[in-house]
Amino acid sequence: MIRTLIIDDEKDARFLLRNQLETHFPNELEIVCEAYNVESGLEAIRIHTPELIFLDINMPDGNGFDLLKELGTYPFDIIFVTAYDEYALQAFEFSAFGYLTKPIHSEKLKTTVAQFIERKDRERFASDDQVKVLIENYADKSKIKKLVLPNNKGFEVCEIEDILRIESDGNYSNFYLLNEDRFISSKTLGLYDTLLAPYGFFRIHQSTVINMRYVKGFKKAGGGTVQLTDGSIHKISRYRKDDFLQKFL
């Protein structure tokens, strides 16, 4: 069974989460301890060496990120639990972390934990580098700088400003960077369209999202095409052309 620790300052929240976990995963998870703040959480981690931690973000003596920074290394997996926190949720999405929002819905909990269990035998749910990117992204509340790209072998990290374009490939996304590196993500283009739109990215076609800062030119011929600074040329959907021109001109 997977040794599991719950860290949350709310007694009722800990009780409800434990009850749901014991109900839905009685043969997979063993709740070895509960902790109620950063200090007790650090002690529980040292004593019980959990394999999985459900970690609340906001606590009286700090937050979940303070606990992680105190540890420095992370020989366990993490599923974050939080009330609505715009910056934390954004950091989770950009850092490809599993999380639950309060009040916890049973189906979301079952899906998130099942994904963790399914992946556990193949790879860690998170790595030290991924946790460090998460902490950095949360600290940079004004503008997140890094994006974690999960794939079948683990993950890659890229600087958002270095992304030239993203192209869909079924349920996968191909990232093309300024230095000519190419990364594959196991997430769909629709997710990245939503995440990156506030950062100057625009979906010119069902299959293509571009970084507007690297647009070199536009041609009306052939229904409309965009040339990027790497010389690549991409067709614009006629439904998106007017919105593109408003941003470009």
C-alpha atoms as a PDB file:
ATOM      1  CA  MET A   1       0.000   0.000   0.000  1.00  0.00           C
ATOM      2  CA  ILE A   2       1.086   3.590  -0.627  1.00  0.00           C
ATOM      3  CA  ARG A   3       2.019   5.438   2.552  1.00  0.00           C
ATOM      4  CA  THR A   4      -0.040   8.630   2.490  1.00  0.00           C
ATOM      5  CA  LEU A   5       0.120  11.834   4.530  1.00  0.00           C
ATOM      6  CA  ILE A   6      -2.550  14.545   4.742  1.00  0.00           C
ATOM      7  CA  ILE A   7      -1.397  18.072   5.626  1.00  0.00           C
ATOM      8  CA  ASP A   8      -4.248  20.555   6.167  1.00  0.00           C
ATOM      9  CA  ASP A   9      -4.962  23.049   8.934  1.00  0.00           C
ATOM     10  CA  GLU A  10      -8.725  22.343   8.842  1.00  0.00           C
ATOM     11  CA  LYS A  11      -9.725  19.350  10.968  1.00  0.00           C
ATOM     12  CA  ASP A  12     -13.001  18.825   9.096  1.00  0.00           C
ATOM     13  CA  ALA A  13     -11.200  18.954   5.749  1.00  0.00           C
ATOM     14  CA  ARG A  14      -8.716  16.298   6.910  1.00  0.00           C
ATOM     15  CA  PHE A  15     -11.560  14.089   8.133  1.00  0.00           C
ATOM     16  CA  LEU A  16     -13.507  14.366   4.879  1.00  0.00           C
ATOM     17  CA  LEU A  17     -10.450  13.696   2.715  1.00  0.00           C
ATOM     18  CA  ARG A  18      -9.402  10.697   4.811  1.00  0.00           C
ATOM     19  CA  ASN A  19     -12.933   9.307   4.650  1.00  0.00           C
ATOM     20  CA  GLN A  20     -13.065   9.609   0.860  1.00  0.00           C
ATOM     21  CA  LEU A  21      -9.628   8.074   0.398  1.00  0.00           C
ATOM     22  CA  GLU A  22     -10.403   5.131   2.682  1.00  0.00           C
ATOM     23  CA  THR A  23     -13.722   4.614   0.905  1.00  0.00           C
ATOM     24  CA  HIS A  24     -12.466   4.728  -2.668  1.00  0.00           C
ATOM     25  CA  PHE A  25      -8.912   3.369  -2.260  1.00  0.00           C
ATOM     26  CA  PRO A  26      -8.979   0.977   0.736  1.00  0.00           C
ATOM     27  CA  ASN A  27      -6.453  -1.405  -0.813  1.00  0.00           C
ATOM     28  CA  GLU A  28      -4.171   1.167  -2.433  1.00  0.00           C
ATOM     29  CA  LEU A  29      -3.578   3.931   0.129  1.00  0.00           C
ATOM     30  CA  GLU A  30      -2.603   3.763   3.793  1.00  0.00           C
ATOM     31  CA  ILE A  31      -3.085   7.031   5.721  1.00  0.00           C
ATOM     32  CA  VAL A  32      -0.037   6.954   7.993  1.00  0.00           C
ATOM     33  CA  CYS A  33      -0.495  10.383   9.574  1.00  0.00           C
ATOM     34  CA  GLU A  34      -2.262  13.738   9.494  1.00  0.00           C
ATOM     35  CA  ALA A  35      -0.594  17.122  10.071  1.00  0.00           C
ATOM     36  CA  TYR A  36      -2.147  20.546  10.614  1.00  0.00           C
ATOM     37  CA  ASN A  37       0.539  23.082   9.712  1.00  0.00           C
ATOM     38  CA  VAL A  38       3.987  23.481   8.170  1.00  0.00           C
ATOM     39  CA  GLU A  39       5.893  22.539  11.338  1.00  0.00           C
ATOM     40  CA  SER A  40       3.883  19.392  12.066  1.00  0.00           C
ATOM     41  CA  GLY A  41       3.977  18.508   8.379  1.00  0.00           C
ATOM     42  CA  LEU A  42       7.773  18.630   8.284  1.00  0.00           C
ATOM     43  CA  GLU A  43       7.940  16.425  11.384  1.00  0.00           C
ATOM     44  CA  ALA A  44       5.457  13.934   9.935  1.00  0.00           C
ATOM     45  CA  ILE A  45       7.450  13.683   6.706  1.00  0.00           C
ATOM     46  CA  ARG A  46      10.658  12.944   8.604  1.00  0.00           C
ATOM     47  CA  ILE A  47       9.035  10.326  10.839  1.00  0.00           C
ATOM     48  CA  HIS A  48       6.729   8.532   8.413  1.00  0.00           C
ATOM     49  CA  THR A  49       8.559   8.932   5.050  1.00  0.00           C
ATOM     50  CA  PRO A  50       5.328   9.101   3.034  1.00  0.00           C
ATOM     51  CA  GLU A  51       5.160   8.187  -0.631  1.00  0.00           C
ATOM     52  CA  LEU A  52       2.218  10.498  -1.329  1.00  0.00           C
ATOM     53  CA  ILE A  53       1.257  13.793   0.341  1.00  0.00           C
ATOM     54  CA  PHE A  54      -2.024  15.664   0.049  1.00  0.00           C
ATOM     55  CA  LEU A  55      -0.762  19.163   0.730  1.00  0.00           C
ATOM     56  CA  ASP A  56      -2.927  22.155   1.577  1.00  0.00           C
ATOM     57  CA  ILE A  57      -1.651  25.510   0.377  1.00  0.00           C
ATOM     58  CA  ASN A  58      -2.791  27.994   3.023  1.00  0.00           C
ATOM     59  CA  MET A  59      -1.922  27.263   6.662  1.00  0.00           C
ATOM     60  CA  PRO A  60      -1.512  29.450   9.773  1.00  0.00           C
ATOM     61  CA  ASP A  61       2.295  29.280   9.942  1.00  0.00           C
ATOM     62  CA  GLY A  62       2.979  29.513   6.221  1.00  0.00           C
ATOM     63  CA  ASN A  63       1.888  27.706   3.095  1.00  0.00           C
ATOM     64  CA  GLY A  64       2.582  24.457   1.290  1.00  0.00           C
ATOM     65  CA  PHE A  65       5.299  26.103  -0.795  1.00  0.00           C
ATOM     66  CA  ASP A  66       7.126  27.161   2.393  1.00  0.00           C
ATOM     67  CA  LEU A  67       7.098  23.518   3.487  1.00  0.00           C
ATOM     68  CA  LEU A  68       8.549  22.387   0.173  1.00  0.00           C
ATOM     69  CA  LYS A  69      11.258  25.050   0.223  1.00  0.00           C
ATOM     70  CA  GLU A  70      12.212  23.968   3.746  1.00  0.00           C
ATOM     71  CA  LEU A  71      12.709  20.377   2.577  1.00  0.00           C
ATOM     72  CA  GLY A  72      14.729  21.081  -0.569  1.00  0.00           C
ATOM     73  CA  THR A  73      14.395  17.521  -1.928  1.00  0.00           C
ATOM     74  CA  TYR A  74      11.181  15.593  -2.521  1.00  0.00           C
ATOM     75  CA  PRO A  75      11.326  11.783  -2.194  1.00  0.00           C
ATOM     76  CA  PHE A  76       7.534  11.620  -2.423  1.00  0.00           C
ATOM     77  CA  ASP A  77       4.685  12.610  -4.710  1.00  0.00           C
ATOM     78  CA  ILE A  78       2.320  15.518  -4.130  1.00  0.00           C
ATOM     79  CA  ILE A  79      -1.322  16.242  -4.827  1.00  0.00           C
ATOM     80  CA  PHE A  80      -2.138  19.804  -3.836  1.00  0.00           C
ATOM     81  CA  VAL A  81      -5.377  20.738  -2.113  1.00  0.00           C
ATOM     82  CA  THR A  82      -6.511  24.345  -1.983  1.00  0.00           C
ATOM     83  CA  ALA A  83      -9.398  26.726  -1.700  1.00  0.00           C
ATOM     84  CA  TYR A  84      -9.575  29.059  -4.679  1.00  0.00           C
ATOM     85  CA  ASP A  85      -6.192  30.761  -5.088  1.00  0.00           C
ATOM     86  CA  GLU A  86      -5.771  32.278  -8.536  1.00  0.00           C
ATOM     87  CA  TYR A  87      -1.982  32.321  -8.426  1.00  0.00           C
ATOM     88  CA  ALA A  88      -1.656  28.795  -7.026  1.00  0.00           C
ATOM     89  CA  LEU A  89      -4.044  27.320  -9.602  1.00  0.00           C
ATOM     90  CA  GLN A  90      -2.170  29.064 -12.399  1.00  0.00           C
ATOM     91  CA  ALA A  91       1.152  27.763 -11.061  1.00  0.00           C
ATOM     92  CA  PHE A  92      -0.237  24.217 -10.904  1.00  0.00           C
ATOM     93  CA  GLU A  93      -1.412  24.383 -14.512  1.00  0.00           C
ATOM     94  CA  PHE A  94       1.864  25.773 -15.873  1.00  0.00           C
ATOM     95  CA  SER A  95       3.889  23.291 -13.814  1.00  0.00           C
ATOM     96  CA  ALA A  96       1.728  20.267 -14.769  1.00  0.00           C
ATOM     97  CA  PHE A  97       0.816  19.357 -11.193  1.00  0.00           C
ATOM     98  CA  GLY A  98      -2.211  17.446  -9.980  1.00  0.00           C
ATOM     99  CA  TYR A  99      -4.430  19.414  -7.624  1.00  0.00           C
ATOM    100  CA  LEU A 100      -7.839  19.403  -5.959  1.00  0.00           C
ATOM    101  CA  THR A 101      -9.926  22.435  -5.081  1.00  0.00           C
ATOM    102  CA  LYS A 102     -12.094  22.702  -1.975  1.00  0.00           C
ATOM    103  CA  PRO A 103     -14.734  21.509  -1.523  1.00  0.00           C
ATOM    104  CA  ILE A 104     -13.297  18.302  -2.952  1.00  0.00           C
ATOM    105  CA  HIS A 105     -15.582  16.563  -5.416  1.00  0.00           C
ATOM    106  CA  SER A 106     -15.525  12.785  -5.207  1.00  0.00           C
ATOM    107  CA  GLU A 107     -15.185  12.165  -8.948  1.00  0.00           C
ATOM    108  CA  LYS A 108     -12.283  14.612  -9.309  1.00  0.00           C
ATOM    109  CA  LEU A 109     -10.554  12.986  -6.335  1.00  0.00           C
ATOM    110  CA  LYS A 110     -10.983   9.488  -7.770  1.00  0.00           C
ATOM    111  CA  THR A 111      -9.675  10.575 -11.173  1.00  0.00           C
ATOM    112  CA  THR A 112      -6.630  12.391  -9.764  1.00  0.00           C
ATOM    113  CA  VAL A 113      -5.630   9.572  -7.407  1.00  0.00           C
ATOM    114  CA  ALA A 114      -6.245   6.894 -10.054  1.00  0.00           C
ATOM    115  CA  GLN A 115      -3.929   8.757 -12.452  1.00  0.00           C
ATOM    116  CA  PHE A 116      -1.260   8.883  -9.752  1.00  0.00           C
ATOM    117  CA  ILE A 117      -1.559   5.157  -9.011  1.00  0.00           C
ATOM    118  CA  GLU A 118      -1.465   4.275 -12.708  1.00  0.00           C
ATOM    119  CA  ARG A 119       1.724   6.277 -13.250  1.00  0.00           C
ATOM    120  CA  LYS A 120       3.459   5.347 -10.008  1.00  0.00           C
ATOM    121  CA  ASP A 121       4.910   2.068 -11.269  1.00  0.00           C
ATOM    122  CA  ARG A 122       6.306   3.754 -14.385  1.00  0.00           C
ATOM    123  CA  GLU A 123       7.630   7.043 -13.061  1.00  0.00           C
ATOM    124  CA  ARG A 124       7.419   9.530 -10.252  1.00  0.00           C
ATOM    125  CA  PHE A 125       4.438  11.827 -10.321  1.00  0.00           C
ATOM    126  CA  ALA A 126       6.835  14.744  -9.911  1.00  0.00           C
ATOM    127  CA  SER A 127      10.574  15.331  -9.771  1.00  0.00           C
ATOM    128  CA  ASP A 128      12.714  17.707  -7.748  1.00  0.00           C
ATOM    129  CA  ASP A 129      13.128  19.951 -10.791  1.00  0.00           C
ATOM    130  CA  GLN A 130       9.397  20.050 -11.426  1.00  0.00           C
ATOM    131  CA  VAL A 131       8.689  21.023  -7.811  1.00  0.00           C
ATOM    132  CA  LYS A 132      11.306  23.775  -8.040  1.00  0.00           C
ATOM    133  CA  VAL A 133       9.667  25.128 -11.205  1.00  0.00           C
ATOM    134  CA  LEU A 134       6.332  25.147  -9.391  1.00  0.00           C
ATOM    135  CA  ILE A 135       7.762  27.121  -6.459  1.00  0.00           C
ATOM    136  CA  GLU A 136       9.389  29.573  -8.875  1.00  0.00           C
ATOM    137  CA  ASN A 137       6.178  29.993 -10.880  1.00  0.00           C
ATOM    138  CA  TYR A 138       4.156  30.665  -7.740  1.00  0.00           C
ATOM    139  CA  ALA A 139       6.705  33.224  -6.557  1.00  0.00           C
ATOM    140  CA  ASP A 140       6.537  35.054  -9.915  1.00  0.00           C
ATOM    141  CA  LYS A 141       2.918  36.080  -9.421  1.00  0.00           C
ATOM    142  CA  SER A 142       3.104  38.962 -11.880  1.00  0.00           C
ATOM    143  CA  LYS A 143       4.145  36.782 -14.809  1.00  0.00           C
ATOM    144  CA  ILE A 144       4.913  33.065 -14.883  1.00  0.00           C
ATOM    145  CA  LYS A 145       8.091  32.375 -16.861  1.00  0.00           C
ATOM    146  CA  LYS A 146       8.356  28.588 -17.215  1.00  0.00           C
ATOM    147  CA  LEU A 147       6.157  25.836 -18.609  1.00  0.00           C
ATOM    148  CA  VAL A 148       6.433  22.138 -17.743  1.00  0.00           C
ATOM    149  CA  LEU A 149       5.663  19.826 -20.668  1.00  0.00           C
ATOM    150  CA  PRO A 150       4.732  16.287 -19.601  1.00  0.00           C
ATOM    151  CA  ASN A 151       5.450  13.438 -22.008  1.00  0.00           C
ATOM    152  CA  ASN A 152       5.650   9.648 -22.032  1.00  0.00           C
ATOM    153  CA  LYS A 153       9.190   9.671 -20.616  1.00  0.00           C
ATOM    154  CA  GLY A 154       8.768  12.363 -17.947  1.00  0.00           C
ATOM    155  CA  PHE A 155       8.758  16.058 -18.695  1.00  0.00           C
ATOM    156  CA  GLU A 156      10.641  18.961 -20.243  1.00  0.00           C
ATOM    157  CA  VAL A 157      10.861  22.537 -18.982  1.00  0.00           C
ATOM    158  CA  CYS A 158      10.929  25.515 -21.317  1.00  0.00           C
ATOM    159  CA  GLU A 159      10.914  29.277 -20.958  1.00  0.00           C
ATOM    160  CA  ILE A 160       7.604  30.680 -22.185  1.00  0.00           C
ATOM    161  CA  GLU A 161       9.323  33.524 -24.054  1.00  0.00           C
ATOM    162  CA  ASP A 162      11.379  30.961 -26.014  1.00  0.00           C
ATOM    163  CA  ILE A 163       8.323  29.239 -27.523  1.00  0.00           C
ATOM    164  CA  LEU A 164       7.961  30.093 -31.202  1.00  0.00           C
ATOM    165  CA  ARG A 165       4.882  28.040 -32.026  1.00  0.00           C
ATOM    166  CA  ILE A 166       2.864  24.987 -30.979  1.00  0.00           C
ATOM    167  CA  GLU A 167       1.243  22.524 -33.367  1.00  0.00           C
ATOM    168  CA  SER A 168      -1.287  19.825 -32.565  1.00  0.00           C
ATOM    169  CA  ASP A 169      -0.630  16.158 -33.285  1.00  0.00           C
ATOM    170  CA  GLY A 170      -3.784  14.321 -32.254  1.00  0.00           C
ATOM    171  CA  ASN A 171      -3.879  14.400 -28.448  1.00  0.00           C
ATOM    172  CA  TYR A 172      -0.268  15.584 -28.346  1.00  0.00           C
ATOM    173  CA  SER A 173       1.314  19.009 -28.905  1.00  0.00           C
ATOM    174  CA  ASN A 174       4.622  19.767 -30.631  1.00  0.00           C
ATOM    175  CA  PHE A 175       6.542  22.754 -29.264  1.00  0.00           C
ATOM    176  CA  TYR A 176       9.019  24.583 -31.500  1.00  0.00           C
ATOM    177  CA  LEU A 177      11.543  26.803 -29.707  1.00  0.00           C
ATOM    178  CA  LEU A 178      13.747  29.686 -30.814  1.00  0.00           C
ATOM    179  CA  ASN A 179      16.900  27.582 -30.495  1.00  0.00           C
ATOM    180  CA  GLU A 180      15.346  25.004 -32.869  1.00  0.00           C
ATOM    181  CA  ASP A 181      14.680  22.501 -30.076  1.00  0.00           C
ATOM    182  CA  ARG A 182      11.425  20.600 -30.391  1.00  0.00           C
ATOM    183  CA  PHE A 183       9.501  19.132 -27.466  1.00  0.00           C
ATOM    184  CA  ILE A 184       6.435  16.902 -27.448  1.00  0.00           C
ATOM    185  CA  SER A 185       3.771  17.270 -24.760  1.00  0.00           C
ATOM    186  CA  SER A 186       1.110  14.695 -23.940  1.00  0.00           C
ATOM    187  CA  LYS A 187      -1.418  17.523 -23.407  1.00  0.00           C
ATOM    188  CA  THR A 188      -3.706  18.911 -26.094  1.00  0.00           C
ATOM    189  CA  LEU A 189      -3.280  22.163 -27.990  1.00  0.00           C
ATOM    190  CA  GLY A 190      -6.528  23.460 -26.502  1.00  0.00           C
ATOM    191  CA  LEU A 191      -4.983  23.462 -23.024  1.00  0.00           C
ATOM    192  CA  TYR A 192      -1.984  25.493 -24.157  1.00  0.00           C
ATOM    193  CA  ASP A 193      -4.161  27.870 -26.148  1.00  0.00           C
ATOM    194  CA  THR A 194      -5.996  28.717 -22.931  1.00  0.00           C
ATOM    195  CA  LEU A 195      -2.885  28.894 -20.742  1.00  0.00           C
ATOM    196  CA  LEU A 196      -0.748  30.983 -23.073  1.00  0.00           C
ATOM    197  CA  ALA A 197      -3.269  33.430 -24.557  1.00  0.00           C
ATOM    198  CA  PRO A 198      -2.550  36.015 -21.796  1.00  0.00           C
ATOM    199  CA  TYR A 199       1.168  35.729 -22.645  1.00  0.00           C
ATOM    200  CA  GLY A 200       0.893  36.946 -26.231  1.00  0.00           C
ATOM    201  CA  PHE A 201       0.052  33.679 -27.963  1.00  0.00           C
ATOM    202  CA  PHE A 202      -2.694  33.391 -30.572  1.00  0.00           C
ATOM    203  CA  ARG A 203      -4.403  30.420 -32.178  1.00  0.00           C
ATOM    204  CA  ILE A 204      -4.350  31.144 -35.910  1.00  0.00           C
ATOM    205  CA  HIS A 205      -5.715  27.759 -36.904  1.00  0.00           C
ATOM    206  CA  GLN A 206      -7.286  24.718 -35.299  1.00  0.00           C
ATOM    207  CA  SER A 207      -3.878  23.061 -35.375  1.00  0.00           C
ATOM    208  CA  THR A 208      -1.519  25.987 -34.672  1.00  0.00           C
ATOM    209  CA  VAL A 209      -0.794  28.458 -31.865  1.00  0.00           C
ATOM    210  CA  ILE A 210       1.888  31.096 -32.465  1.00  0.00           C
ATOM    211  CA  ASN A 211       3.828  33.521 -30.305  1.00  0.00           C
ATOM    212  CA  MET A 212       2.813  36.939 -31.671  1.00  0.00           C
ATOM    213  CA  ARG A 213       6.132  38.514 -30.756  1.00  0.00           C
ATOM    214  CA  TYR A 214       7.828  36.389 -33.432  1.00  0.00           C
ATOM    215  CA  VAL A 215       5.525  37.245 -36.326  1.00  0.00           C
ATOM    216  CA  LYS A 216       7.655  38.525 -39.224  1.00  0.00           C
ATOM    217  CA  GLY A 217       4.962  39.189 -41.790  1.00  0.00           C
ATOM    218  CA  PHE A 218       1.463  38.566 -43.103  1.00  0.00           C
ATOM    219  CA  LYS A 219       0.246  37.906 -46.659  1.00  0.00           C
ATOM    220  CA  LYS A 220      -3.367  38.042 -47.818  1.00  0.00           C
ATOM    221  CA  ALA A 221      -2.787  35.666 -50.724  1.00  0.00           C
ATOM    222  CA  GLY A 222      -4.185  32.155 -50.430  1.00  0.00           C
ATOM    223  CA  GLY A 223      -6.635  33.150 -47.752  1.00  0.00           C
ATOM    224  CA  GLY A 224      -3.949  34.546 -45.469  1.00  0.00           C
ATOM    225  CA  THR A 225      -0.592  33.270 -44.195  1.00  0.00           C
ATOM    226  CA  VAL A 226       1.750  34.240 -41.383  1.00  0.00           C
ATOM    227  CA  GLN A 227       5.534  34.076 -41.547  1.00  0.00           C
ATOM    228  CA  LEU A 228       7.458  33.675 -38.300  1.00  0.00           C
ATOM    229  CA  THR A 229      11.020  34.741 -37.612  1.00  0.00           C
ATOM    230  CA  ASP A 230      12.314  31.203 -38.238  1.00  0.00           C
ATOM    231  CA  GLY A 231      11.042  31.443 -41.810  1.00  0.00           C
ATOM    232  CA  SER A 232       8.155  29.032 -41.333  1.00  0.00           C
ATOM    233  CA  ILE A 233       4.838  29.926 -42.987  1.00  0.00           C
ATOM    234  CA  HIS A 234       1.436  29.088 -41.510  1.00  0.00           C
ATOM    235  CA  LYS A 235      -2.074  29.352 -42.857  1.00  0.00           C
ATOM    236  CA  ILE A 236      -4.614  31.444 -40.927  1.00  0.00           C
ATOM    237  CA  SER A 237      -8.152  30.206 -40.531  1.00  0.00           C
ATOM    238  CA  ARG A 238     -10.614  32.593 -42.166  1.00  0.00           C
ATOM    239  CA  TYR A 239     -12.547  32.608 -38.908  1.00  0.00           C
ATOM    240  CA  ARG A 240      -9.524  33.889 -36.993  1.00  0.00           C
ATOM    241  CA  LYS A 241      -8.057  36.305 -39.550  1.00  0.00           C
ATOM    242  CA  ASP A 242      -9.803  39.471 -38.317  1.00  0.00           C
ATOM    243  CA  ASP A 243      -8.818  38.833 -34.698  1.00  0.00           C
ATOM    244  CA  PHE A 244      -5.232  38.173 -35.787  1.00  0.00           C
ATOM    245  CA  LEU A 245      -5.021  41.403 -37.769  1.00  0.00           C
ATOM    246  CA  GLN A 246      -6.342  43.410 -34.819  1.00  0.00           C
ATOM    247  CA  LYS A 247      -3.488  42.063 -32.711  1.00  0.00           C
ATOM    248  CA  PHE A 248      -0.834  42.290 -35.423  1.00  0.00           C
ATOM    249  CA  LEU A 249      -1.478  45.727 -36.941  1.00  0.00           C
END
